[in-house]
């Protein structure tokens, strides 16, 4: 397992969560070692959690 995602059980549901620090480390490694650090290959922003969406009343 690469450690990019964690999973936990909540009743019958499986809750998956991204591991953003690990993803950013992977992107840094790939950029440095596979892209040669060229600006065209560098991610514009680091991965980060999305903002929680407000629940819309039914």
PDB file of N, CA and C in Angstrom:
ATOM      1  N   UNK A   1       0.844  -1.184   0.000  1.00  0.00           N
ATOM      2  CA  UNK A   1       0.000   0.000   0.000  1.00  0.00           C
ATOM      3  C   UNK A   1       0.886   1.243   0.000  1.00  0.00           C
ATOM      4  N   UNK A   2       0.564   2.213  -0.811  1.00  0.00           N
ATOM      5  CA  UNK A   2       1.393   3.403  -0.990  1.00  0.00           C
ATOM      6  C   UNK A   2       1.198   4.433   0.117  1.00  0.00           C
ATOM      7  N   UNK A   3       0.139   4.336   0.894  1.00  0.00           N
ATOM      8  CA  UNK A   3      -0.100   5.294   1.968  1.00  0.00           C
ATOM      9  C   UNK A   3      -0.672   6.618   1.485  1.00  0.00           C
ATOM     10  N   UNK A   4      -1.249   6.641   0.277  1.00  0.00           N
ATOM     11  CA  UNK A   4      -1.838   7.865  -0.248  1.00  0.00           C
ATOM     12  C   UNK A   4      -3.261   8.080   0.250  1.00  0.00           C
ATOM     13  N   UNK A   5      -3.880   6.999   0.754  1.00  0.00           N
ATOM     14  CA  UNK A   5      -5.273   7.060   1.210  1.00  0.00           C
ATOM     15  C   UNK A   5      -5.408   6.213   2.464  1.00  0.00           C
ATOM     16  N   UNK A   6      -6.236   6.682   3.403  1.00  0.00           N
ATOM     17  CA  UNK A   6      -6.588   5.867   4.561  1.00  0.00           C
ATOM     18  C   UNK A   6      -8.074   5.515   4.452  1.00  0.00           C
ATOM     19  N   UNK A   7      -8.451   4.464   5.132  1.00  0.00           N
ATOM     20  CA  UNK A   7      -9.849   4.054   5.114  1.00  0.00           C
ATOM     21  C   UNK A   7     -10.251   3.655   6.533  1.00  0.00           C
ATOM     22  N   UNK A   8     -11.490   4.000   6.887  1.00  0.00           N
ATOM     23  CA  UNK A   8     -12.033   3.583   8.181  1.00  0.00           C
ATOM     24  C   UNK A   8     -13.483   3.185   7.966  1.00  0.00           C
ATOM     25  N   UNK A   9     -13.930   2.282   8.803  1.00  0.00           N
ATOM     26  CA  UNK A   9     -15.306   1.802   8.707  1.00  0.00           C
ATOM     27  C   UNK A   9     -16.191   2.633   9.635  1.00  0.00           C
ATOM     28  N   UNK A  10     -17.366   3.007   9.124  1.00  0.00           N
ATOM     29  CA  UNK A  10     -18.383   3.701   9.910  1.00  0.00           C
ATOM     30  C   UNK A  10     -19.685   2.959   9.655  1.00  0.00           C
ATOM     31  N   UNK A  11     -19.976   2.003  10.524  1.00  0.00           N
ATOM     32  CA  UNK A  11     -21.138   1.143  10.301  1.00  0.00           C
ATOM     33  C   UNK A  11     -20.888   0.279   9.081  1.00  0.00           C
ATOM     34  N   UNK A  12     -21.764   0.388   8.072  1.00  0.00           N
ATOM     35  CA  UNK A  12     -21.565  -0.371   6.835  1.00  0.00           C
ATOM     36  C   UNK A  12     -20.818   0.437   5.780  1.00  0.00           C
ATOM     37  N   UNK A  13     -20.497   1.682   6.082  1.00  0.00           N
ATOM     38  CA  UNK A  13     -19.802   2.544   5.119  1.00  0.00           C
ATOM     39  C   UNK A  13     -18.296   2.497   5.324  1.00  0.00           C
ATOM     40  N   UNK A  14     -17.574   2.701   4.233  1.00  0.00           N
ATOM     41  CA  UNK A  14     -16.129   2.825   4.277  1.00  0.00           C
ATOM     42  C   UNK A  14     -15.804   4.277   3.951  1.00  0.00           C
ATOM     43  N   UNK A  15     -15.095   4.951   4.844  1.00  0.00           N
ATOM     44  CA  UNK A  15     -14.748   6.359   4.670  1.00  0.00           C
ATOM     45  C   UNK A  15     -13.291   6.445   4.245  1.00  0.00           C
ATOM     46  N   UNK A  16     -13.053   6.995   3.057  1.00  0.00           N
ATOM     47  CA  UNK A  16     -11.704   7.129   2.518  1.00  0.00           C
ATOM     48  C   UNK A  16     -11.249   8.575   2.663  1.00  0.00           C
ATOM     49  N   UNK A  17      -9.976   8.758   3.012  1.00  0.00           N
ATOM     50  CA  UNK A  17      -9.412  10.100   3.165  1.00  0.00           C
ATOM     51  C   UNK A  17      -8.028  10.148   2.525  1.00  0.00           C
ATOM     52  N   UNK A  18      -7.791  11.189   1.751  1.00  0.00           N
ATOM     53  CA  UNK A  18      -6.497  11.375   1.102  1.00  0.00           C
ATOM     54  C   UNK A  18      -5.459  11.810   2.132  1.00  0.00           C
ATOM     55  N   UNK A  19      -4.232  11.333   1.961  1.00  0.00           N
ATOM     56  CA  UNK A  19      -3.109  11.727   2.811  1.00  0.00           C
ATOM     57  C   UNK A  19      -2.306  12.774   2.022  1.00  0.00           C
ATOM     58  N   UNK A  20      -2.651  14.058   2.221  1.00  0.00           N
ATOM     59  CA  UNK A  20      -2.116  15.132   1.394  1.00  0.00           C
ATOM     60  C   UNK A  20      -0.615  15.326   1.568  1.00  0.00           C
ATOM     61  N   UNK A  21      -0.093  15.140   2.765  1.00  0.00           N
ATOM     62  CA  UNK A  21       1.342  15.289   2.974  1.00  0.00           C
ATOM     63  C   UNK A  21       2.101  14.250   2.142  1.00  0.00           C
ATOM     64  N   UNK A  22       1.624  13.016   2.158  1.00  0.00           N
ATOM     65  CA  UNK A  22       2.259  11.950   1.376  1.00  0.00           C
ATOM     66  C   UNK A  22       2.140  12.237  -0.117  1.00  0.00           C
ATOM     67  N   UNK A  23       0.984  12.733  -0.557  1.00  0.00           N
ATOM     68  CA  UNK A  23       0.799  13.072  -1.972  1.00  0.00           C
ATOM     69  C   UNK A  23       1.762  14.170  -2.402  1.00  0.00           C
ATOM     70  N   UNK A  24       1.919  15.184  -1.564  1.00  0.00           N
ATOM     71  CA  UNK A  24       2.832  16.277  -1.890  1.00  0.00           C
ATOM     72  C   UNK A  24       4.274  15.787  -1.966  1.00  0.00           C
ATOM     73  N   UNK A  25       4.664  14.869  -1.083  1.00  0.00           N
ATOM     74  CA  UNK A  25       6.009  14.293  -1.138  1.00  0.00           C
ATOM     75  C   UNK A  25       6.204  13.528  -2.441  1.00  0.00           C
ATOM     76  N   UNK A  26       5.188  12.763  -2.853  1.00  0.00           N
ATOM     77  CA  UNK A  26       5.262  12.020  -4.106  1.00  0.00           C
ATOM     78  C   UNK A  26       5.383  12.974  -5.296  1.00  0.00           C
ATOM     79  N   UNK A  27       4.569  14.020  -5.321  1.00  0.00           N
ATOM     80  CA  UNK A  27       4.650  14.996  -6.411  1.00  0.00           C
ATOM     81  C   UNK A  27       6.019  15.655  -6.462  1.00  0.00           C
ATOM     82  N   UNK A  28       6.575  15.980  -5.298  1.00  0.00           N
ATOM     83  CA  UNK A  28       7.915  16.570  -5.245  1.00  0.00           C
ATOM     84  C   UNK A  28       8.955  15.624  -5.803  1.00  0.00           C
ATOM     85  N   UNK A  29       8.878  14.360  -5.415  1.00  0.00           N
ATOM     86  CA  UNK A  29       9.820  13.351  -5.915  1.00  0.00           C
ATOM     87  C   UNK A  29       9.698  13.203  -7.430  1.00  0.00           C
ATOM     88  N   UNK A  30       8.467  13.065  -7.925  1.00  0.00           N
ATOM     89  CA  UNK A  30       8.273  12.885  -9.360  1.00  0.00           C
ATOM     90  C   UNK A  30       8.750  14.104 -10.141  1.00  0.00           C
ATOM     91  N   UNK A  31       8.464  15.288  -9.629  1.00  0.00           N
ATOM     92  CA  UNK A  31       8.897  16.510 -10.302  1.00  0.00           C
ATOM     93  C   UNK A  31      10.418  16.575 -10.380  1.00  0.00           C
ATOM     94  N   UNK A  32      11.071  16.256  -9.267  1.00  0.00           N
ATOM     95  CA  UNK A  32      12.536  16.341  -9.212  1.00  0.00           C
ATOM     96  C   UNK A  32      13.204  15.247 -10.034  1.00  0.00           C
ATOM     97  N   UNK A  33      12.683  14.030  -9.974  1.00  0.00           N
ATOM     98  CA  UNK A  33      13.372  12.897 -10.570  1.00  0.00           C
ATOM     99  C   UNK A  33      12.853  12.474 -11.943  1.00  0.00           C
ATOM    100  N   UNK A  34      11.643  12.838 -12.286  1.00  0.00           N
ATOM    101  CA  UNK A  34      11.091  12.415 -13.578  1.00  0.00           C
ATOM    102  C   UNK A  34      10.971  13.581 -14.558  1.00  0.00           C
ATOM    103  N   UNK A  35      10.769  14.776 -14.052  1.00  0.00           N
ATOM    104  CA  UNK A  35      10.585  15.937 -14.917  1.00  0.00           C
ATOM    105  C   UNK A  35      11.853  16.774 -15.006  1.00  0.00           C
ATOM    106  N   UNK A  36      12.855  16.427 -14.243  1.00  0.00           N
ATOM    107  CA  UNK A  36      14.088  17.204 -14.253  1.00  0.00           C
ATOM    108  C   UNK A  36      13.924  18.575 -13.627  1.00  0.00           C
ATOM    109  N   UNK A  37      12.833  18.774 -12.886  1.00  0.00           N
ATOM    110  CA  UNK A  37      12.606  20.047 -12.216  1.00  0.00           C
ATOM    111  C   UNK A  37      12.221  21.182 -13.143  1.00  0.00           C
ATOM    112  N   UNK A  38      11.826  20.868 -14.383  1.00  0.00           N
ATOM    113  CA  UNK A  38      11.454  21.925 -15.325  1.00  0.00           C
ATOM    114  C   UNK A  38      10.163  22.593 -14.876  1.00  0.00           C
ATOM    115  N   UNK A  39      10.043  23.851 -15.162  1.00  0.00           N
ATOM    116  CA  UNK A  39       8.880  24.632 -14.727  1.00  0.00           C
ATOM    117  C   UNK A  39       7.587  24.102 -15.355  1.00  0.00           C
ATOM    118  N   UNK A  40       7.646  23.554 -16.572  1.00  0.00           N
ATOM    119  CA  UNK A  40       6.454  23.041 -17.244  1.00  0.00           C
ATOM    120  C   UNK A  40       5.839  21.862 -16.493  1.00  0.00           C
ATOM    121  N   UNK A  41       6.654  21.164 -15.708  1.00  0.00           N
ATOM    122  CA  UNK A  41       6.203  19.954 -15.037  1.00  0.00           C
ATOM    123  C   UNK A  41       5.861  20.211 -13.562  1.00  0.00           C
ATOM    124  N   UNK A  42       6.250  21.350 -13.023  1.00  0.00           N
ATOM    125  CA  UNK A  42       6.051  21.631 -11.601  1.00  0.00           C
ATOM    126  C   UNK A  42       4.584  21.914 -11.316  1.00  0.00           C
ATOM    127  N   UNK A  43       3.997  21.246 -10.301  1.00  0.00           N
ATOM    128  CA  UNK A  43       2.598  21.527  -9.956  1.00  0.00           C
ATOM    129  C   UNK A  43       2.429  22.987  -9.539  1.00  0.00           C
ATOM    130  N   UNK A  44       1.331  23.597  -9.959  1.00  0.00           N
ATOM    131  CA  UNK A  44       1.070  24.998  -9.642  1.00  0.00           C
ATOM    132  C   UNK A  44       0.821  25.200  -8.150  1.00  0.00           C
ATOM    133  N   UNK A  45       0.147  24.262  -7.528  1.00  0.00           N
ATOM    134  CA  UNK A  45      -0.158  24.357  -6.099  1.00  0.00           C
ATOM    135  C   UNK A  45      -0.009  22.989  -5.466  1.00  0.00           C
ATOM    136  N   UNK A  46       0.190  22.979  -4.171  1.00  0.00           N
ATOM    137  CA  UNK A  46       0.282  21.724  -3.429  1.00  0.00           C
ATOM    138  C   UNK A  46      -1.122  21.148  -3.237  1.00  0.00           C
ATOM    139  N   UNK A  47      -1.185  19.841  -3.071  1.00  0.00           N
ATOM    140  CA  UNK A  47      -2.462  19.191  -2.768  1.00  0.00           C
ATOM    141  C   UNK A  47      -2.908  19.597  -1.366  1.00  0.00           C
ATOM    142  N   UNK A  48      -4.175  19.845  -1.209  1.00  0.00           N
ATOM    143  CA  UNK A  48      -4.719  20.165   0.106  1.00  0.00           C
ATOM    144  C   UNK A  48      -6.175  19.750   0.143  1.00  0.00           C
ATOM    145  N   UNK A  49      -6.709  19.557   1.343  1.00  0.00           N
ATOM    146  CA  UNK A  49      -8.104  19.130   1.453  1.00  0.00           C
ATOM    147  C   UNK A  49      -9.050  20.186   0.885  1.00  0.00           C
ATOM    148  N   UNK A  50     -10.118  19.729   0.282  1.00  0.00           N
ATOM    149  CA  UNK A  50     -11.156  20.628  -0.206  1.00  0.00           C
ATOM    150  C   UNK A  50     -11.938  21.179   0.977  1.00  0.00           C
ATOM    151  N   UNK A  51     -12.501  22.336   0.781  1.00  0.00           N
ATOM    152  CA  UNK A  51     -13.352  22.891   1.835  1.00  0.00           C
ATOM    153  C   UNK A  51     -14.599  22.046   1.959  1.00  0.00           C
ATOM    154  N   UNK A  52     -15.098  21.925   3.165  1.00  0.00           N
ATOM    155  CA  UNK A  52     -16.329  21.168   3.367  1.00  0.00           C
ATOM    156  C   UNK A  52     -17.481  21.939   2.748  1.00  0.00           C
ATOM    157  N   UNK A  53     -18.347  21.210   2.096  1.00  0.00           N
ATOM    158  CA  UNK A  53     -19.514  21.825   1.459  1.00  0.00           C
ATOM    159  C   UNK A  53     -20.618  22.007   2.486  1.00  0.00           C
ATOM    160  N   UNK A  54     -21.315  23.111   2.369  1.00  0.00           N
ATOM    161  CA  UNK A  54     -22.452  23.346   3.255  1.00  0.00           C
ATOM    162  C   UNK A  54     -23.596  22.434   2.811  1.00  0.00           C
ATOM    163  N   UNK A  55     -24.293  21.870   3.763  1.00  0.00           N
ATOM    164  CA  UNK A  55     -25.427  21.009   3.436  1.00  0.00           C
ATOM    165  C   UNK A  55     -26.597  21.874   2.987  1.00  0.00           C
ATOM    166  N   UNK A  56     -27.209  21.465   1.898  1.00  0.00           N
ATOM    167  CA  UNK A  56     -28.353  22.183   1.375  1.00  0.00           C
ATOM    168  C   UNK A  56     -29.604  21.603   1.991  1.00  0.00           C
ATOM    169  N   UNK A  57     -30.459  22.456   2.583  1.00  0.00           N
ATOM    170  CA  UNK A  57     -31.694  21.942   3.185  1.00  0.00           C
ATOM    171  C   UNK A  57     -32.575  21.271   2.136  1.00  0.00           C
ATOM    172  N   UNK A  58     -33.213  20.196   2.526  1.00  0.00           N
ATOM    173  CA  UNK A  58     -34.072  19.440   1.585  1.00  0.00           C
ATOM    174  C   UNK A  58     -35.407  20.097   1.399  1.00  0.00           C
TER     175      UNK A  58
END
